[in-house]
Amino acid sequence: MYDRYNRSISYLRVSVTDRCNLRCSYCMPEDGVQLLKHSDILSYEEILEVITEAVKMGISKVRITGGEPLVRKGIVSFVNRVAAIEGILDLGLTTNGILLAGFAGDLAQAGLHRINISLDTLDPGKYREITREGDILKVFEGIDAAKKAGLFPIKINCVVRNSSGEPDARSVKEFCITNGLEVRFIHEMSLADGCFTIVENGHGGDCRNCNRLRLTANGLIRPCLFNDAQFSIREYGIRKALEMALEMKPERGTVNTNGGFHNIGG
């Protein structure tokens, strides 16, 4: 399917929860955020209906996000059901890696193709400072488990303040080269200020070639991370919400004043 600017839209990012087991400084304030009521969060059955309809319309790539998707109960079974949808050619998941060691093998068996893992530094103290409560050793264990499970390519998402030449970013890059991982550098963004750039070694932030829509955990189809447009599947119905988001997808991102990374999916 194509938007108004003749971009082929084939990628759906699906947030299954706004909950997270970390409190990364660039994602949320130290005292946390107002979480959705459990009754507002889509059931897995509802999400599967959205994905199935989106695939009928032309979506072939799906990425599962959060919050942190591995904190939601039943995630492995859900991945298995998504993988069974005919027409999905690329099924990925983005995680902070803290719980990944206990899930990687089961996710691979369930049909997950590949995985992205967040890692901004190799320094345990600095990692704890950035995430406010994270244990970097668990991330390393998760990476090893993903490698053993064959979830390749394993991509590392590294957030940088100014450039990929920063010491922490250089260390992460060397770690990835040594361990057969791919690294992507994501410049720190501000939704309210409209501050974003194209991801180094990735495709995010490239408005001219953007091919994605987003489904939030509470059922909103969003055509752009840096835009306020959102269309509820519960209000409009699944197909209509998808069609409206496609029609309203902007030529480029501007600002977002009604959402955050934790509940849209980054």
Protein backbone atom coordinates (compact mmCIF):
# COMPACT_ATOMS: atom_id res chain seq x y z
CA MET A 1 0.00 0.00 0.00
CA TYR A 2 1.13 3.55 -0.73
CA ASP A 3 0.68 6.84 1.10
CA ARG A 4 0.04 10.27 -0.40
CA TYR A 5 3.73 10.71 -1.14
CA ASN A 6 4.03 7.41 -3.03
CA ARG A 7 5.96 5.71 -0.26
CA SER A 8 5.37 1.98 -0.02
CA ILE A 9 4.16 1.26 3.52
CA SER A 10 5.10 -2.30 4.48
CA TYR A 11 6.27 -2.10 8.11
CA LEU A 12 4.16 -2.20 11.28
CA ARG A 13 5.71 -1.58 14.70
CA VAL A 14 3.56 -3.12 17.43
CA SER A 15 3.80 -2.02 21.06
CA VAL A 16 2.41 -4.77 23.28
CA THR A 17 2.87 -2.90 26.58
CA ASP A 18 3.83 0.47 28.02
CA ARG A 19 5.49 -1.25 31.01
CA CYS A 20 9.27 -1.48 31.31
CA ASN A 21 11.70 -2.93 33.83
CA LEU A 22 14.15 -0.01 33.32
CA ARG A 23 13.81 3.76 33.64
CA CYS A 24 16.25 5.00 30.99
CA SER A 25 16.96 8.70 31.40
CA TYR A 26 16.26 9.56 27.75
CA CYS A 27 12.95 7.67 27.73
CA MET A 28 11.17 8.67 30.91
CA PRO A 29 11.49 10.90 33.99
CA GLU A 30 13.10 9.48 37.12
CA ASP A 31 9.77 9.23 38.96
CA GLY A 32 8.25 7.22 36.12
CA VAL A 33 5.21 7.91 33.98
CA GLN A 34 1.44 7.49 34.17
CA LEU A 35 0.85 3.95 32.98
CA LEU A 36 -2.16 2.76 31.04
CA LYS A 37 -4.94 0.93 32.82
CA HIS A 38 -4.80 -2.79 32.11
CA SER A 39 -8.31 -2.55 30.69
CA ASP A 40 -7.07 -0.05 28.09
CA ILE A 41 -4.29 -2.30 26.80
CA LEU A 42 -5.15 -4.41 23.77
CA SER A 43 -5.50 -8.14 24.27
CA TYR A 44 -3.25 -10.36 22.21
CA GLU A 45 -6.32 -11.39 20.21
CA GLU A 46 -7.02 -7.75 19.31
CA ILE A 47 -3.40 -7.17 18.31
CA LEU A 48 -3.45 -10.29 16.14
CA GLU A 49 -6.56 -9.01 14.38
CA VAL A 50 -4.79 -5.71 13.64
CA ILE A 51 -1.68 -7.44 12.30
CA THR A 52 -3.74 -9.82 10.17
CA GLU A 53 -5.70 -6.95 8.61
CA ALA A 54 -2.51 -4.91 8.10
CA VAL A 55 -0.89 -7.83 6.28
CA LYS A 56 -3.92 -8.08 3.98
CA MET A 57 -3.34 -4.40 3.14
CA GLY A 58 0.34 -4.86 2.34
CA ILE A 59 2.33 -5.05 5.57
CA SER A 60 5.07 -7.69 5.39
CA LYS A 61 7.39 -6.62 8.21
CA VAL A 62 6.38 -6.59 11.88
CA ARG A 63 8.46 -5.54 14.88
CA ILE A 64 7.27 -6.15 18.44
CA THR A 65 8.17 -3.40 20.90
CA GLY A 66 7.10 -1.93 24.24
CA GLY A 67 7.85 -0.51 26.75
CA GLU A 68 9.73 -3.75 27.22
CA PRO A 69 7.86 -6.52 25.41
CA LEU A 70 9.38 -9.35 27.44
CA VAL A 71 7.64 -8.16 30.62
CA ARG A 72 4.23 -8.99 29.17
CA LYS A 73 2.98 -12.43 30.16
CA GLY A 74 2.48 -14.84 27.27
CA ILE A 75 4.83 -13.05 24.87
CA VAL A 76 6.33 -16.28 23.47
CA SER A 77 2.93 -17.72 22.59
CA PHE A 78 1.97 -14.39 21.03
CA VAL A 79 5.11 -14.38 18.87
CA ASN A 80 4.25 -17.89 17.72
CA ARG A 81 0.79 -16.75 16.65
CA VAL A 82 2.18 -13.72 14.81
CA ALA A 83 4.75 -15.91 13.04
CA ALA A 84 1.91 -18.11 11.78
CA ILE A 85 0.27 -15.22 9.90
CA GLU A 86 0.83 -15.83 6.20
CA GLY A 87 2.48 -12.89 4.50
CA ILE A 88 4.86 -11.78 7.26
CA LEU A 89 8.35 -12.01 5.82
CA ASP A 90 10.26 -10.26 8.60
CA LEU A 91 9.37 -10.66 12.29
CA GLY A 92 11.58 -8.90 14.83
CA LEU A 93 11.52 -7.77 18.43
CA THR A 94 13.24 -4.91 20.25
CA THR A 95 14.29 -5.45 23.87
CA ASN A 96 16.54 -3.95 26.51
CA GLY A 97 17.99 -7.43 26.95
CA ILE A 98 17.56 -7.71 30.72
CA LEU A 99 15.21 -10.71 30.48
CA LEU A 100 16.42 -12.04 27.15
CA ALA A 101 18.56 -14.91 28.45
CA GLY A 102 15.42 -16.62 29.68
CA PHE A 103 13.47 -16.03 26.46
CA ALA A 104 15.82 -16.17 23.46
CA GLY A 105 15.61 -19.91 22.76
CA ASP A 106 11.84 -20.04 23.15
CA LEU A 107 11.37 -16.94 20.97
CA ALA A 108 13.46 -18.47 18.20
CA GLN A 109 11.47 -21.71 18.40
CA ALA A 110 8.25 -19.68 18.30
CA GLY A 111 9.26 -18.19 14.96
CA LEU A 112 10.98 -14.90 15.78
CA HIS A 113 13.43 -14.05 13.00
CA ARG A 114 15.74 -11.52 14.61
CA ILE A 115 16.23 -9.18 17.52
CA ASN A 116 17.40 -5.67 18.40
CA ILE A 117 18.98 -5.06 21.81
CA SER A 118 19.57 -1.70 23.47
CA LEU A 119 23.11 -1.06 24.74
CA ASP A 120 24.49 2.46 25.17
CA THR A 121 27.71 1.74 27.07
CA LEU A 122 29.93 -1.14 28.20
CA ASP A 123 30.59 0.44 31.58
CA PRO A 124 28.45 -1.25 34.31
CA GLY A 125 28.31 1.89 36.47
CA LYS A 126 27.36 4.16 33.61
CA TYR A 127 24.79 1.62 32.39
CA ARG A 128 23.22 1.59 35.85
CA GLU A 129 23.18 5.38 35.80
CA ILE A 130 21.55 5.60 32.35
CA THR A 131 18.95 2.93 33.05
CA ARG A 132 18.58 3.86 36.75
CA GLU A 133 18.41 0.21 37.83
CA GLY A 134 19.84 -2.03 35.13
CA ASP A 135 22.44 -4.80 35.42
CA ILE A 136 24.56 -4.82 32.27
CA LEU A 137 25.71 -8.40 32.92
CA LYS A 138 22.16 -9.57 32.23
CA VAL A 139 22.27 -7.83 28.85
CA PHE A 140 25.51 -9.62 27.97
CA GLU A 141 23.88 -12.91 28.98
CA GLY A 142 20.92 -12.05 26.78
CA ILE A 143 23.17 -11.33 23.81
CA ASP A 144 24.93 -14.68 24.25
CA ALA A 145 21.57 -16.45 24.45
CA ALA A 146 20.36 -14.72 21.27
CA LYS A 147 23.49 -15.84 19.44
CA LYS A 148 23.03 -19.43 20.59
CA ALA A 149 19.38 -19.29 19.52
CA GLY A 150 20.36 -18.07 16.03
CA LEU A 151 18.39 -14.83 16.15
CA PHE A 152 20.55 -13.20 13.48
CA PRO A 153 21.19 -10.52 12.57
CA ILE A 154 21.44 -9.29 16.15
CA LYS A 155 21.37 -5.52 16.04
CA ILE A 156 22.54 -3.34 18.90
CA ASN A 157 20.75 -0.02 19.36
CA CYS A 158 23.15 2.50 20.87
CA VAL A 159 21.81 5.93 21.84
CA VAL A 160 24.37 8.74 21.56
CA ARG A 161 24.22 12.34 22.72
CA ASN A 162 26.19 13.97 19.93
CA SER A 163 27.96 11.47 17.68
CA SER A 164 29.04 7.88 17.19
CA GLY A 165 32.56 9.08 17.89
CA GLU A 166 31.82 9.37 21.60
CA PRO A 167 33.92 7.04 23.82
CA ASP A 168 30.97 4.86 24.89
CA ALA A 169 29.76 4.54 21.31
CA ARG A 170 33.21 3.56 20.09
CA SER A 171 33.44 0.89 22.80
CA VAL A 172 30.03 -0.50 21.84
CA LYS A 173 31.09 -0.58 18.18
CA GLU A 174 34.26 -2.54 19.00
CA PHE A 175 32.23 -4.94 21.13
CA CYS A 176 29.86 -5.53 18.22
CA ILE A 177 32.68 -6.11 15.73
CA THR A 178 34.31 -8.61 18.09
CA ASN A 179 31.05 -10.48 18.74
CA GLY A 180 29.54 -10.56 15.25
CA LEU A 181 26.81 -8.05 15.99
CA GLU A 182 25.49 -5.11 13.98
CA VAL A 183 25.41 -1.69 15.63
CA ARG A 184 23.05 1.22 14.96
CA PHE A 185 23.63 4.64 16.46
CA ILE A 186 20.49 6.54 17.43
CA HIS A 187 20.96 10.20 18.25
CA GLU A 188 19.06 11.24 21.36
CA MET A 189 15.65 12.55 20.30
CA SER A 190 13.05 14.93 21.66
CA LEU A 191 9.47 14.31 20.59
CA ALA A 192 8.13 17.66 21.81
CA ASP A 193 10.95 19.63 20.15
CA GLY A 194 10.91 17.63 16.93
CA CYS A 195 14.58 16.78 17.33
CA PHE A 196 15.61 13.69 15.36
CA THR A 197 18.10 12.53 12.76
CA ILE A 198 18.51 9.50 10.52
CA VAL A 199 19.76 6.48 12.45
CA GLU A 200 23.37 5.65 11.59
CA ASN A 201 23.48 2.21 9.93
CA GLY A 202 19.67 2.10 10.04
CA HIS A 203 16.54 3.55 8.47
CA GLY A 204 14.74 5.31 11.31
CA GLY A 205 14.36 9.06 10.92
CA ASP A 206 14.58 8.89 7.11
CA CYS A 207 11.27 10.60 6.35
CA ARG A 208 11.69 10.51 2.57
CA ASN A 209 11.78 6.71 2.61
CA CYS A 210 9.69 5.97 5.70
CA ASN A 211 7.69 2.76 5.28
CA ARG A 212 6.11 2.32 8.71
CA LEU A 213 2.95 2.64 10.75
CA ARG A 214 2.72 2.09 14.50
CA LEU A 215 0.23 0.36 16.77
CA THR A 216 0.29 1.48 20.41
CA ALA A 217 -0.51 -0.82 23.31
CA ASN A 218 -3.91 0.85 23.75
CA GLY A 219 -4.97 0.47 20.14
CA LEU A 220 -3.95 3.68 18.40
CA ILE A 221 -2.60 3.54 14.86
CA ARG A 222 0.00 6.27 14.50
CA PRO A 223 1.40 7.20 11.07
CA CYS A 224 4.52 8.90 12.43
CA LEU A 225 6.49 9.02 15.68
CA PHE A 226 6.96 12.79 15.31
CA ASN A 227 3.32 13.68 14.70
CA ASP A 228 0.18 13.90 16.85
CA ALA A 229 -2.11 12.00 14.47
CA GLN A 230 -3.56 8.80 15.94
CA PHE A 231 -6.57 6.67 15.11
CA SER A 232 -8.20 4.25 17.53
CA ILE A 233 -9.03 0.78 16.26
CA ARG A 234 -11.72 0.56 18.94
CA GLU A 235 -13.35 3.77 17.76
CA TYR A 236 -13.01 3.47 13.99
CA GLY A 237 -12.50 -0.25 13.48
CA ILE A 238 -9.23 -1.81 12.40
CA ARG A 239 -9.29 -1.28 8.65
CA LYS A 240 -10.65 2.26 8.87
CA ALA A 241 -8.02 3.26 11.46
CA LEU A 242 -5.26 1.84 9.25
CA GLU A 243 -6.64 3.63 6.19
CA MET A 244 -6.91 6.93 8.07
CA ALA A 245 -3.35 6.64 9.36
CA LEU A 246 -2.12 5.87 5.86
CA GLU A 247 -3.96 8.89 4.46
CA MET A 248 -2.67 11.20 7.21
CA LYS A 249 0.95 10.05 7.17
CA PRO A 250 2.94 13.32 6.92
CA GLU A 251 5.65 14.03 4.41
CA ARG A 252 8.06 14.42 7.30
CA GLY A 253 8.02 14.38 11.07
CA THR A 254 7.54 17.58 13.05
CA VAL A 255 6.63 17.34 16.74
CA ASN A 256 4.74 14.98 19.03
CA THR A 257 2.91 16.45 22.03
CA ASN A 258 0.61 13.58 22.97
CA GLY A 259 2.85 10.54 23.39
CA GLY A 260 6.17 9.21 24.63
CA PHE A 261 8.74 6.62 23.62
CA HIS A 262 7.55 4.27 26.37
CA ASN A 263 3.99 4.03 25.04
CA ILE A 264 4.46 4.47 21.29
CA GLY A 265 7.29 2.01 20.87
CA GLY A 266 10.26 4.14 19.86
